[in-house]
Amino acid sequence: MDELIIPPLSLNLITTNKCTATCLNCCLQCSPENNDRLSLQEMVQYVDSSIETYDTIKLLILTGGECFTLGKDLDSIVQYASNKGLMVRVVTNGYWATSSEKAFARLKKLADAGLLEFNLSTGDEHQNWVPYDNIIWATVAALELKLSVAINVETSMISQFDERHLKTDPRLEKYKLILNEKLKVISGIWILFHYCPVKK
């Protein structure tokens, strides 16, 4: 096998095509009805074979679909990868963070399993399915647990919600000092395949 010029630093697993949302412009066409997913055994095998082949891999990214629909398997693969010496990041829409208490309790289990990085997705279309408050509750819980947080805001030419909403939210005011260290807000490109009106 020819040696790669740029060796990989991360392994990204699309753990499932199941999602609690049905965003019209989802590039993977995920939905609650799509039950395709990797088993825990398959995820373990991917981790093992990848780090055996490339010792440069230092980060495992678990995404979807919605990786939190994996339940306890999510905790298990986070712990497995962490025990293998990998940093672990999860990517979620935050549907499960329906209160500050529930957000903290769920993330505490993952932090105890070795989770270090936490990514949230939000924006006009996401908020048709997941309330904005969930994003705040999940963000605050993650910061209290000392996780690195990135919030990706879907951004298009017709976006109404943008990163300014997060940066000026009074509930995040006490975290201003760590905004550039532990909390990042990113404007991610959202490609519009179809026009999707924002629910009022």
C-alpha atoms as a PDB file:
ATOM      1  CA  MET A   1       0.000   0.000   0.000  1.00  0.00           C
ATOM      2  CA  ASP A   2       1.418   3.379  -1.009  1.00  0.00           C
ATOM      3  CA  GLU A   3       2.081   5.724   1.885  1.00  0.00           C
ATOM      4  CA  LEU A   4      -0.272   8.699   2.086  1.00  0.00           C
ATOM      5  CA  ILE A   5       1.302  12.117   1.618  1.00  0.00           C
ATOM      6  CA  ILE A   6      -0.954  13.539   4.340  1.00  0.00           C
ATOM      7  CA  PRO A   7      -1.739  10.858   6.930  1.00  0.00           C
ATOM      8  CA  PRO A   8      -5.237  10.992   8.498  1.00  0.00           C
ATOM      9  CA  LEU A   9      -5.608  12.595  11.910  1.00  0.00           C
ATOM     10  CA  SER A  10      -9.249  11.721  12.563  1.00  0.00           C
ATOM     11  CA  LEU A  11     -11.797   8.972  11.992  1.00  0.00           C
ATOM     12  CA  ASN A  12     -15.362  10.097  11.255  1.00  0.00           C
ATOM     13  CA  LEU A  13     -18.119   7.514  11.739  1.00  0.00           C
ATOM     14  CA  ILE A  14     -21.603   8.164  10.364  1.00  0.00           C
ATOM     15  CA  THR A  15     -23.050   6.002  13.098  1.00  0.00           C
ATOM     16  CA  THR A  16     -26.658   6.056  11.913  1.00  0.00           C
ATOM     17  CA  ASN A  17     -29.001   7.495   9.303  1.00  0.00           C
ATOM     18  CA  LYS A  18     -31.755   7.770  11.898  1.00  0.00           C
ATOM     19  CA  CYS A  19     -32.494  11.304  13.060  1.00  0.00           C
ATOM     20  CA  THR A  20     -35.190  12.886  15.193  1.00  0.00           C
ATOM     21  CA  ALA A  21     -35.510  15.612  12.557  1.00  0.00           C
ATOM     22  CA  THR A  22     -36.501  15.485   8.910  1.00  0.00           C
ATOM     23  CA  CYS A  23     -34.693  18.523   7.541  1.00  0.00           C
ATOM     24  CA  LEU A  24     -35.696  19.009   3.933  1.00  0.00           C
ATOM     25  CA  ASN A  25     -32.137  19.970   2.992  1.00  0.00           C
ATOM     26  CA  CYS A  26     -30.321  17.234   4.908  1.00  0.00           C
ATOM     27  CA  CYS A  27     -27.500  16.079   2.634  1.00  0.00           C
ATOM     28  CA  LEU A  28     -27.825  12.492   3.933  1.00  0.00           C
ATOM     29  CA  GLN A  29     -31.658  12.444   3.870  1.00  0.00           C
ATOM     30  CA  CYS A  30     -31.818  11.227   7.465  1.00  0.00           C
ATOM     31  CA  SER A  31     -35.166  10.858   9.219  1.00  0.00           C
ATOM     32  CA  PRO A  32     -36.925   9.108  12.128  1.00  0.00           C
ATOM     33  CA  GLU A  33     -37.993   6.355   9.715  1.00  0.00           C
ATOM     34  CA  ASN A  34     -34.465   5.542   8.533  1.00  0.00           C
ATOM     35  CA  ASN A  35     -33.172   2.909  10.964  1.00  0.00           C
ATOM     36  CA  ASP A  36     -29.842   2.140   9.261  1.00  0.00           C
ATOM     37  CA  ARG A  37     -27.040   2.210  11.815  1.00  0.00           C
ATOM     38  CA  LEU A  38     -23.701   0.737  12.757  1.00  0.00           C
ATOM     39  CA  SER A  39     -23.745  -1.843  15.519  1.00  0.00           C
ATOM     40  CA  LEU A  40     -21.457  -1.377  18.498  1.00  0.00           C
ATOM     41  CA  GLN A  41     -19.344  -4.254  17.213  1.00  0.00           C
ATOM     42  CA  GLU A  42     -18.981  -2.588  13.809  1.00  0.00           C
ATOM     43  CA  MET A  43     -17.946   0.713  15.391  1.00  0.00           C
ATOM     44  CA  VAL A  44     -15.350  -1.064  17.530  1.00  0.00           C
ATOM     45  CA  GLN A  45     -14.001  -2.850  14.448  1.00  0.00           C
ATOM     46  CA  TYR A  46     -13.707   0.434  12.528  1.00  0.00           C
ATOM     47  CA  VAL A  47     -11.830   2.040  15.420  1.00  0.00           C
ATOM     48  CA  ASP A  48      -9.464  -0.913  15.782  1.00  0.00           C
ATOM     49  CA  SER A  49      -8.700  -1.329  12.081  1.00  0.00           C
ATOM     50  CA  SER A  50      -8.258   2.413  11.527  1.00  0.00           C
ATOM     51  CA  ILE A  51      -5.791   3.027  14.347  1.00  0.00           C
ATOM     52  CA  GLU A  52      -3.953  -0.175  13.487  1.00  0.00           C
ATOM     53  CA  THR A  53      -3.523   1.026   9.911  1.00  0.00           C
ATOM     54  CA  TYR A  54      -2.846   4.684  10.714  1.00  0.00           C
ATOM     55  CA  ASP A  55      -1.166   5.439  14.029  1.00  0.00           C
ATOM     56  CA  THR A  56      -1.586   9.144  13.212  1.00  0.00           C
ATOM     57  CA  ILE A  57      -5.324   9.042  14.065  1.00  0.00           C
ATOM     58  CA  LYS A  58      -5.932  10.894  17.326  1.00  0.00           C
ATOM     59  CA  LEU A  59      -9.615  11.875  17.106  1.00  0.00           C
ATOM     60  CA  LEU A  60     -12.851   9.906  16.685  1.00  0.00           C
ATOM     61  CA  ILE A  61     -15.890  11.877  15.480  1.00  0.00           C
ATOM     62  CA  LEU A  62     -19.311  10.290  16.024  1.00  0.00           C
ATOM     63  CA  THR A  63     -22.046  11.798  13.896  1.00  0.00           C
ATOM     64  CA  GLY A  64     -25.134  10.820  11.918  1.00  0.00           C
ATOM     65  CA  GLY A  65     -27.978  11.188  11.501  1.00  0.00           C
ATOM     66  CA  GLU A  66     -28.353  11.642  15.203  1.00  0.00           C
ATOM     67  CA  CYS A  67     -25.796   9.656  17.178  1.00  0.00           C
ATOM     68  CA  PHE A  68     -27.680  10.141  20.464  1.00  0.00           C
ATOM     69  CA  THR A  69     -30.369   7.767  19.163  1.00  0.00           C
ATOM     70  CA  LEU A  70     -27.783   5.005  19.735  1.00  0.00           C
ATOM     71  CA  GLY A  71     -28.485   5.188  23.466  1.00  0.00           C
ATOM     72  CA  LYS A  72     -26.064   3.196  25.612  1.00  0.00           C
ATOM     73  CA  ASP A  73     -24.081   2.147  22.535  1.00  0.00           C
ATOM     74  CA  LEU A  74     -22.975   5.770  22.205  1.00  0.00           C
ATOM     75  CA  ASP A  75     -21.580   5.725  25.746  1.00  0.00           C
ATOM     76  CA  SER A  76     -19.892   2.390  25.046  1.00  0.00           C
ATOM     77  CA  ILE A  77     -18.089   3.471  21.886  1.00  0.00           C
ATOM     78  CA  VAL A  78     -17.009   6.751  23.528  1.00  0.00           C
ATOM     79  CA  GLN A  79     -15.488   4.796  26.399  1.00  0.00           C
ATOM     80  CA  TYR A  80     -13.894   2.223  24.093  1.00  0.00           C
ATOM     81  CA  ALA A  81     -12.234   4.850  21.898  1.00  0.00           C
ATOM     82  CA  SER A  82     -11.155   6.900  24.895  1.00  0.00           C
ATOM     83  CA  ASN A  83      -9.543   3.821  26.441  1.00  0.00           C
ATOM     84  CA  LYS A  84      -7.675   3.376  23.148  1.00  0.00           C
ATOM     85  CA  GLY A  85      -6.171   6.836  23.615  1.00  0.00           C
ATOM     86  CA  LEU A  86      -8.395   8.733  21.164  1.00  0.00           C
ATOM     87  CA  MET A  87     -10.016  12.082  21.763  1.00  0.00           C
ATOM     88  CA  VAL A  88     -13.744  11.715  21.078  1.00  0.00           C
ATOM     89  CA  ARG A  89     -16.212  14.234  19.625  1.00  0.00           C
ATOM     90  CA  VAL A  90     -19.978  13.825  19.209  1.00  0.00           C
ATOM     91  CA  VAL A  91     -22.161  15.799  16.793  1.00  0.00           C
ATOM     92  CA  THR A  92     -25.843  16.262  17.709  1.00  0.00           C
ATOM     93  CA  ASN A  93     -28.915  18.397  17.119  1.00  0.00           C
ATOM     94  CA  GLY A  94     -29.595  18.483  20.875  1.00  0.00           C
ATOM     95  CA  TYR A  95     -33.088  16.948  20.741  1.00  0.00           C
ATOM     96  CA  TRP A  96     -32.460  15.153  24.049  1.00  0.00           C
ATOM     97  CA  ALA A  97     -31.578  18.352  25.991  1.00  0.00           C
ATOM     98  CA  THR A  98     -35.164  19.211  26.924  1.00  0.00           C
ATOM     99  CA  SER A  99     -34.167  20.852  30.208  1.00  0.00           C
ATOM    100  CA  SER A 100     -30.967  21.958  31.890  1.00  0.00           C
ATOM    101  CA  GLU A 101     -31.193  19.001  34.275  1.00  0.00           C
ATOM    102  CA  LYS A 102     -31.679  16.418  31.520  1.00  0.00           C
ATOM    103  CA  ALA A 103     -28.910  17.951  29.432  1.00  0.00           C
ATOM    104  CA  PHE A 104     -26.431  17.804  32.288  1.00  0.00           C
ATOM    105  CA  ALA A 105     -27.377  14.243  33.291  1.00  0.00           C
ATOM    106  CA  ARG A 106     -26.988  12.900  29.741  1.00  0.00           C
ATOM    107  CA  LEU A 107     -23.697  14.655  29.071  1.00  0.00           C
ATOM    108  CA  LYS A 108     -22.304  13.687  32.469  1.00  0.00           C
ATOM    109  CA  LYS A 109     -22.501  10.016  31.450  1.00  0.00           C
ATOM    110  CA  LEU A 110     -20.580  10.743  28.254  1.00  0.00           C
ATOM    111  CA  ALA A 111     -18.021  12.931  30.017  1.00  0.00           C
ATOM    112  CA  ASP A 112     -17.456  10.128  32.531  1.00  0.00           C
ATOM    113  CA  ALA A 113     -16.941   7.775  29.574  1.00  0.00           C
ATOM    114  CA  GLY A 114     -14.200  10.032  28.207  1.00  0.00           C
ATOM    115  CA  LEU A 115     -15.945  12.511  25.908  1.00  0.00           C
ATOM    116  CA  LEU A 116     -13.866  15.674  25.371  1.00  0.00           C
ATOM    117  CA  GLU A 117     -15.475  17.525  22.444  1.00  0.00           C
ATOM    118  CA  PHE A 118     -19.138  18.367  21.875  1.00  0.00           C
ATOM    119  CA  ASN A 119     -20.648  19.756  18.662  1.00  0.00           C
ATOM    120  CA  LEU A 120     -24.192  21.069  18.202  1.00  0.00           C
ATOM    121  CA  SER A 121     -26.046  21.878  14.988  1.00  0.00           C
ATOM    122  CA  THR A 122     -28.768  24.529  14.843  1.00  0.00           C
ATOM    123  CA  GLY A 123     -30.311  27.125  12.558  1.00  0.00           C
ATOM    124  CA  ASP A 124     -33.560  27.929  10.785  1.00  0.00           C
ATOM    125  CA  GLU A 125     -34.301  24.450   9.497  1.00  0.00           C
ATOM    126  CA  HIS A 126     -33.011  22.571  12.534  1.00  0.00           C
ATOM    127  CA  GLN A 127     -35.210  24.714  14.770  1.00  0.00           C
ATOM    128  CA  ASN A 128     -38.299  23.408  12.975  1.00  0.00           C
ATOM    129  CA  TRP A 129     -37.529  20.195  14.868  1.00  0.00           C
ATOM    130  CA  VAL A 130     -35.401  21.093  17.900  1.00  0.00           C
ATOM    131  CA  PRO A 131     -36.158  24.185  20.029  1.00  0.00           C
ATOM    132  CA  TYR A 132     -33.412  26.756  20.386  1.00  0.00           C
ATOM    133  CA  ASP A 133     -33.585  26.419  24.186  1.00  0.00           C
ATOM    134  CA  ASN A 134     -32.268  22.863  23.854  1.00  0.00           C
ATOM    135  CA  ILE A 135     -29.096  24.260  22.305  1.00  0.00           C
ATOM    136  CA  ILE A 136     -28.556  26.611  25.225  1.00  0.00           C
ATOM    137  CA  TRP A 137     -29.224  23.942  27.860  1.00  0.00           C
ATOM    138  CA  ALA A 138     -26.866  21.497  26.125  1.00  0.00           C
ATOM    139  CA  THR A 139     -24.177  24.167  25.693  1.00  0.00           C
ATOM    140  CA  VAL A 140     -24.280  25.246  29.341  1.00  0.00           C
ATOM    141  CA  ALA A 141     -24.189  21.618  30.529  1.00  0.00           C
ATOM    142  CA  ALA A 142     -21.191  20.860  28.315  1.00  0.00           C
ATOM    143  CA  LEU A 143     -19.311  23.923  29.513  1.00  0.00           C
ATOM    144  CA  GLU A 144     -20.026  23.079  33.140  1.00  0.00           C
ATOM    145  CA  LEU A 145     -18.542  19.639  32.448  1.00  0.00           C
ATOM    146  CA  LYS A 146     -15.414  21.284  30.969  1.00  0.00           C
ATOM    147  CA  LEU A 147     -16.041  19.973  27.443  1.00  0.00           C
ATOM    148  CA  SER A 148     -14.907  21.879  24.363  1.00  0.00           C
ATOM    149  CA  VAL A 149     -18.043  23.073  22.567  1.00  0.00           C
ATOM    150  CA  ALA A 150     -18.625  24.097  18.953  1.00  0.00           C
ATOM    151  CA  ILE A 151     -22.033  25.218  17.712  1.00  0.00           C
ATOM    152  CA  ASN A 152     -22.472  25.002  13.953  1.00  0.00           C
ATOM    153  CA  VAL A 153     -25.148  27.421  12.711  1.00  0.00           C
ATOM    154  CA  GLU A 154     -26.608  26.495   9.338  1.00  0.00           C
ATOM    155  CA  THR A 155     -26.008  29.478   7.084  1.00  0.00           C
ATOM    156  CA  SER A 156     -27.465  30.314   3.679  1.00  0.00           C
ATOM    157  CA  MET A 157     -28.376  33.445   1.746  1.00  0.00           C
ATOM    158  CA  ILE A 158     -31.862  33.408   3.306  1.00  0.00           C
ATOM    159  CA  SER A 159     -30.946  32.519   6.897  1.00  0.00           C
ATOM    160  CA  GLN A 160     -32.858  34.377   9.599  1.00  0.00           C
ATOM    161  CA  PHE A 161     -31.095  32.831  12.607  1.00  0.00           C
ATOM    162  CA  ASP A 162     -27.370  33.490  12.761  1.00  0.00           C
ATOM    163  CA  GLU A 163     -24.447  33.271  15.162  1.00  0.00           C
ATOM    164  CA  ARG A 164     -25.245  36.679  16.670  1.00  0.00           C
ATOM    165  CA  HIS A 165     -28.241  35.133  18.432  1.00  0.00           C
ATOM    166  CA  LEU A 166     -25.912  32.830  20.353  1.00  0.00           C
ATOM    167  CA  LYS A 167     -23.208  35.383  20.982  1.00  0.00           C
ATOM    168  CA  THR A 168     -25.709  37.795  22.533  1.00  0.00           C
ATOM    169  CA  ASP A 169     -27.814  35.258  24.458  1.00  0.00           C
ATOM    170  CA  PRO A 170     -27.806  36.387  28.129  1.00  0.00           C
ATOM    171  CA  ARG A 171     -27.756  32.746  29.297  1.00  0.00           C
ATOM    172  CA  LEU A 172     -24.249  32.433  27.883  1.00  0.00           C
ATOM    173  CA  GLU A 173     -23.091  35.762  29.308  1.00  0.00           C
ATOM    174  CA  LYS A 174     -21.153  34.200  32.197  1.00  0.00           C
ATOM    175  CA  TYR A 175     -19.163  32.148  29.685  1.00  0.00           C
ATOM    176  CA  LYS A 176     -17.913  35.151  27.681  1.00  0.00           C
ATOM    177  CA  LEU A 177     -14.417  34.776  29.104  1.00  0.00           C
ATOM    178  CA  ILE A 178     -14.074  31.311  27.600  1.00  0.00           C
ATOM    179  CA  LEU A 179     -15.879  32.051  24.348  1.00  0.00           C
ATOM    180  CA  ASN A 180     -12.704  31.734  22.307  1.00  0.00           C
ATOM    181  CA  GLU A 181     -11.213  28.927  24.373  1.00  0.00           C
ATOM    182  CA  LYS A 182     -13.942  26.370  25.131  1.00  0.00           C
ATOM    183  CA  LEU A 183     -16.915  27.673  23.134  1.00  0.00           C
ATOM    184  CA  LYS A 184     -16.868  28.388  19.425  1.00  0.00           C
ATOM    185  CA  VAL A 185     -19.796  29.461  17.246  1.00  0.00           C
ATOM    186  CA  ILE A 186     -19.346  28.655  13.564  1.00  0.00           C
ATOM    187  CA  SER A 187     -21.350  29.707  10.517  1.00  0.00           C
ATOM    188  CA  GLY A 188     -21.540  26.508   8.486  1.00  0.00           C
ATOM    189  CA  ILE A 189     -22.612  26.492   4.852  1.00  0.00           C
ATOM    190  CA  TRP A 190     -26.136  25.060   4.449  1.00  0.00           C
ATOM    191  CA  ILE A 191     -26.881  24.104   0.856  1.00  0.00           C
ATOM    192  CA  LEU A 192     -30.500  24.631  -0.148  1.00  0.00           C
ATOM    193  CA  PHE A 193     -31.712  21.809  -2.353  1.00  0.00           C
ATOM    194  CA  HIS A 194     -35.292  22.876  -1.594  1.00  0.00           C
ATOM    195  CA  TYR A 195     -36.845  25.989  -0.087  1.00  0.00           C
ATOM    196  CA  CYS A 196     -37.913  25.283   3.491  1.00  0.00           C
ATOM    197  CA  PRO A 197     -40.097  27.882   5.221  1.00  0.00           C
ATOM    198  CA  VAL A 198     -39.291  28.577   8.871  1.00  0.00           C
ATOM    199  CA  LYS A 199     -42.060  27.612  11.283  1.00  0.00           C
ATOM    200  CA  LYS A 200     -43.419  30.488  13.349  1.00  0.00           C
END
